[in-house]
Amino acid sequence: MAKWLSHHGCNVTVSQFPSGGREVGQAIQDRATELGADLVVMGAYGHARMIQTVLGGTTRTMMEQTDLPLMLAH
């Protein structure tokens, strides 16, 4: 995705960082805010509905937030 976005003129930064014990969706939002990101691009992988319902999920957390534009790829 980064290569495709770069090819189309976007300034792309790919990074990895520890969550520090926070929920992953919240860690992604915090990091994007720290970096002043204009867009979060992430993979969206489904899990069984029962597991998703009980445990929630990073994809759901990111889709429910309204502060950052989100591009999902599957």
N, C-alpha and C. Protein backbone atom coordinates (compact mmCIF):
# COMPACT_ATOMS: atom_id res chain seq x y z
N MET A 1 0.83 -1.17 0.00
CA MET A 1 0.00 0.00 0.00
C MET A 1 0.88 1.24 0.00
N ALA A 2 1.95 1.22 0.82
CA ALA A 2 2.83 2.39 0.88
C ALA A 2 3.45 2.69 -0.48
N LYS A 3 3.86 1.64 -1.17
CA LYS A 3 4.47 1.83 -2.49
C LYS A 3 3.45 2.44 -3.47
N TRP A 4 2.23 1.92 -3.44
CA TRP A 4 1.18 2.42 -4.33
C TRP A 4 0.86 3.88 -4.03
N LEU A 5 0.72 4.21 -2.74
CA LEU A 5 0.42 5.59 -2.36
C LEU A 5 1.57 6.52 -2.74
N SER A 6 2.81 6.08 -2.52
CA SER A 6 3.98 6.89 -2.88
C SER A 6 4.02 7.14 -4.39
N HIS A 7 3.71 6.11 -5.14
CA HIS A 7 3.70 6.23 -6.60
C HIS A 7 2.69 7.28 -7.06
N HIS A 8 1.66 7.48 -6.26
CA HIS A 8 0.63 8.44 -6.61
C HIS A 8 0.81 9.79 -5.91
N GLY A 9 2.03 10.05 -5.44
CA GLY A 9 2.38 11.36 -4.92
C GLY A 9 2.13 11.60 -3.44
N CYS A 10 1.79 10.56 -2.70
CA CYS A 10 1.55 10.72 -1.25
C CYS A 10 2.85 10.58 -0.48
N ASN A 11 2.99 11.36 0.57
CA ASN A 11 4.12 11.23 1.48
C ASN A 11 3.75 10.15 2.49
N VAL A 12 4.43 9.01 2.45
CA VAL A 12 4.06 7.84 3.25
C VAL A 12 5.17 7.51 4.23
N THR A 13 4.77 7.23 5.48
CA THR A 13 5.70 6.75 6.49
C THR A 13 5.13 5.45 7.05
N VAL A 14 5.94 4.40 7.02
CA VAL A 14 5.54 3.12 7.59
C VAL A 14 6.36 2.94 8.86
N SER A 15 5.69 2.64 9.97
CA SER A 15 6.43 2.47 11.21
C SER A 15 5.78 1.40 12.08
N GLN A 16 6.58 0.86 12.97
CA GLN A 16 6.10 -0.09 13.96
C GLN A 16 6.48 0.46 15.32
N PHE A 17 5.61 0.25 16.31
CA PHE A 17 5.92 0.71 17.65
C PHE A 17 5.14 -0.13 18.65
N PRO A 18 5.65 -0.24 19.87
CA PRO A 18 4.96 -1.03 20.90
C PRO A 18 3.71 -0.31 21.40
N SER A 19 2.70 -1.08 21.77
CA SER A 19 1.44 -0.49 22.25
C SER A 19 1.57 0.02 23.68
N GLY A 20 2.57 -0.43 24.39
CA GLY A 20 2.74 0.02 25.77
C GLY A 20 1.62 -0.44 26.69
N GLY A 21 0.98 -1.56 26.34
CA GLY A 21 -0.09 -2.08 27.17
C GLY A 21 -1.47 -1.51 26.86
N ARG A 22 -1.53 -0.51 25.98
CA ARG A 22 -2.82 0.06 25.59
C ARG A 22 -3.52 -0.87 24.60
N GLU A 23 -4.84 -0.70 24.46
CA GLU A 23 -5.58 -1.40 23.43
C GLU A 23 -5.00 -0.96 22.08
N VAL A 24 -4.86 -1.87 21.14
CA VAL A 24 -4.15 -1.58 19.89
C VAL A 24 -4.80 -0.43 19.11
N GLY A 25 -6.13 -0.43 19.01
CA GLY A 25 -6.80 0.66 18.30
C GLY A 25 -6.50 2.02 18.90
N GLN A 26 -6.47 2.08 20.23
CA GLN A 26 -6.16 3.34 20.90
C GLN A 26 -4.70 3.73 20.67
N ALA A 27 -3.81 2.74 20.67
CA ALA A 27 -2.39 3.02 20.42
C ALA A 27 -2.20 3.58 19.01
N ILE A 28 -2.92 3.02 18.03
CA ILE A 28 -2.83 3.52 16.66
C ILE A 28 -3.33 4.96 16.59
N GLN A 29 -4.45 5.24 17.22
CA GLN A 29 -5.00 6.60 17.22
C GLN A 29 -4.04 7.58 17.88
N ASP A 30 -3.48 7.19 19.03
CA ASP A 30 -2.53 8.07 19.74
C ASP A 30 -1.31 8.36 18.88
N ARG A 31 -0.76 7.33 18.25
CA ARG A 31 0.44 7.51 17.43
C ARG A 31 0.14 8.39 16.21
N ALA A 32 -1.00 8.16 15.57
CA ALA A 32 -1.37 8.97 14.40
C ALA A 32 -1.52 10.44 14.79
N THR A 33 -2.11 10.69 15.96
CA THR A 33 -2.26 12.06 16.44
C THR A 33 -0.90 12.68 16.73
N GLU A 34 -0.01 11.92 17.39
CA GLU A 34 1.34 12.41 17.68
C GLU A 34 2.07 12.81 16.40
N LEU A 35 1.89 12.03 15.35
CA LEU A 35 2.59 12.28 14.10
C LEU A 35 1.90 13.31 13.21
N GLY A 36 0.70 13.71 13.58
CA GLY A 36 -0.06 14.64 12.75
C GLY A 36 -0.52 13.99 11.46
N ALA A 37 -0.82 12.69 11.52
CA ALA A 37 -1.21 11.94 10.32
C ALA A 37 -2.53 12.47 9.75
N ASP A 38 -2.61 12.48 8.42
CA ASP A 38 -3.82 12.88 7.73
C ASP A 38 -4.72 11.69 7.44
N LEU A 39 -4.15 10.48 7.47
CA LEU A 39 -4.88 9.27 7.09
C LEU A 39 -4.24 8.07 7.76
N VAL A 40 -5.05 7.15 8.23
CA VAL A 40 -4.56 5.87 8.74
C VAL A 40 -4.96 4.80 7.73
N VAL A 41 -3.99 4.04 7.27
CA VAL A 41 -4.23 2.94 6.34
C VAL A 41 -3.91 1.66 7.09
N MET A 42 -4.87 0.73 7.11
CA MET A 42 -4.63 -0.52 7.84
C MET A 42 -5.38 -1.66 7.19
N GLY A 43 -4.92 -2.85 7.45
CA GLY A 43 -5.61 -4.05 6.99
C GLY A 43 -6.81 -4.31 7.88
N ALA A 44 -7.83 -4.91 7.30
CA ALA A 44 -9.03 -5.25 8.06
C ALA A 44 -9.26 -6.75 7.90
N TYR A 45 -9.00 -7.49 8.94
CA TYR A 45 -9.14 -8.93 8.88
C TYR A 45 -10.25 -9.35 9.82
N GLY A 46 -11.20 -10.08 9.31
CA GLY A 46 -12.34 -10.51 10.11
C GLY A 46 -12.03 -11.71 10.98
N HIS A 47 -12.66 -11.77 12.10
CA HIS A 47 -12.61 -12.91 12.99
C HIS A 47 -14.03 -13.42 13.14
N ALA A 48 -14.17 -14.57 13.75
CA ALA A 48 -15.51 -15.12 13.97
C ALA A 48 -16.37 -14.09 14.69
N ARG A 49 -17.63 -13.97 14.31
CA ARG A 49 -18.52 -12.96 14.88
C ARG A 49 -18.62 -13.07 16.40
N MET A 50 -18.64 -14.29 16.92
CA MET A 50 -18.77 -14.47 18.37
C MET A 50 -17.55 -13.90 19.08
N ILE A 51 -16.37 -14.20 18.58
CA ILE A 51 -15.14 -13.67 19.17
C ILE A 51 -15.12 -12.16 19.07
N GLN A 52 -15.50 -11.65 17.89
CA GLN A 52 -15.52 -10.21 17.66
C GLN A 52 -16.49 -9.53 18.63
N THR A 53 -17.64 -10.14 18.85
CA THR A 53 -18.65 -9.58 19.74
C THR A 53 -18.16 -9.54 21.18
N VAL A 54 -17.53 -10.62 21.62
CA VAL A 54 -17.07 -10.71 23.01
C VAL A 54 -15.84 -9.85 23.25
N LEU A 55 -14.88 -9.93 22.35
CA LEU A 55 -13.60 -9.26 22.57
C LEU A 55 -13.47 -7.91 21.89
N GLY A 56 -14.37 -7.60 20.97
CA GLY A 56 -14.21 -6.36 20.21
C GLY A 56 -13.15 -6.57 19.15
N GLY A 57 -12.44 -5.56 18.78
CA GLY A 57 -11.39 -5.72 17.80
C GLY A 57 -10.85 -4.38 17.36
N THR A 58 -9.62 -4.41 16.87
CA THR A 58 -8.95 -3.20 16.42
C THR A 58 -9.69 -2.57 15.24
N THR A 59 -10.13 -3.40 14.30
CA THR A 59 -10.85 -2.86 13.14
C THR A 59 -12.10 -2.12 13.60
N ARG A 60 -12.86 -2.73 14.49
CA ARG A 60 -14.08 -2.08 14.98
C ARG A 60 -13.75 -0.78 15.70
N THR A 61 -12.74 -0.81 16.55
CA THR A 61 -12.35 0.39 17.29
C THR A 61 -12.01 1.52 16.32
N MET A 62 -11.25 1.20 15.29
CA MET A 62 -10.84 2.23 14.34
C MET A 62 -12.03 2.73 13.51
N MET A 63 -12.97 1.85 13.18
CA MET A 63 -14.13 2.27 12.41
C MET A 63 -15.07 3.14 13.24
N GLU A 64 -15.09 2.94 14.54
CA GLU A 64 -15.98 3.71 15.41
C GLU A 64 -15.43 5.09 15.76
N GLN A 65 -14.12 5.28 15.65
CA GLN A 65 -13.56 6.59 15.97
C GLN A 65 -13.86 7.55 14.83
N THR A 66 -13.94 8.84 15.15
CA THR A 66 -14.29 9.83 14.13
C THR A 66 -13.25 10.92 13.96
N ASP A 67 -12.13 10.80 14.64
CA ASP A 67 -11.11 11.85 14.58
C ASP A 67 -10.19 11.74 13.37
N LEU A 68 -9.93 10.53 12.90
CA LEU A 68 -8.97 10.31 11.84
C LEU A 68 -9.61 9.63 10.63
N PRO A 69 -9.33 10.12 9.42
CA PRO A 69 -9.78 9.39 8.23
C PRO A 69 -9.10 8.02 8.21
N LEU A 70 -9.83 7.01 7.74
CA LEU A 70 -9.36 5.64 7.79
C LEU A 70 -9.56 4.98 6.43
N MET A 71 -8.51 4.33 5.93
CA MET A 71 -8.59 3.54 4.70
C MET A 71 -8.32 2.11 5.07
N LEU A 72 -9.30 1.23 4.82
CA LEU A 72 -9.16 -0.18 5.16
C LEU A 72 -8.88 -0.99 3.89
N ALA A 73 -7.98 -1.96 4.02
CA ALA A 73 -7.69 -2.89 2.93
C ALA A 73 -7.85 -4.30 3.45
N HIS A 74 -8.37 -5.17 2.62
CA HIS A 74 -8.56 -6.56 3.06
C HIS A 74 -7.80 -7.47 2.14
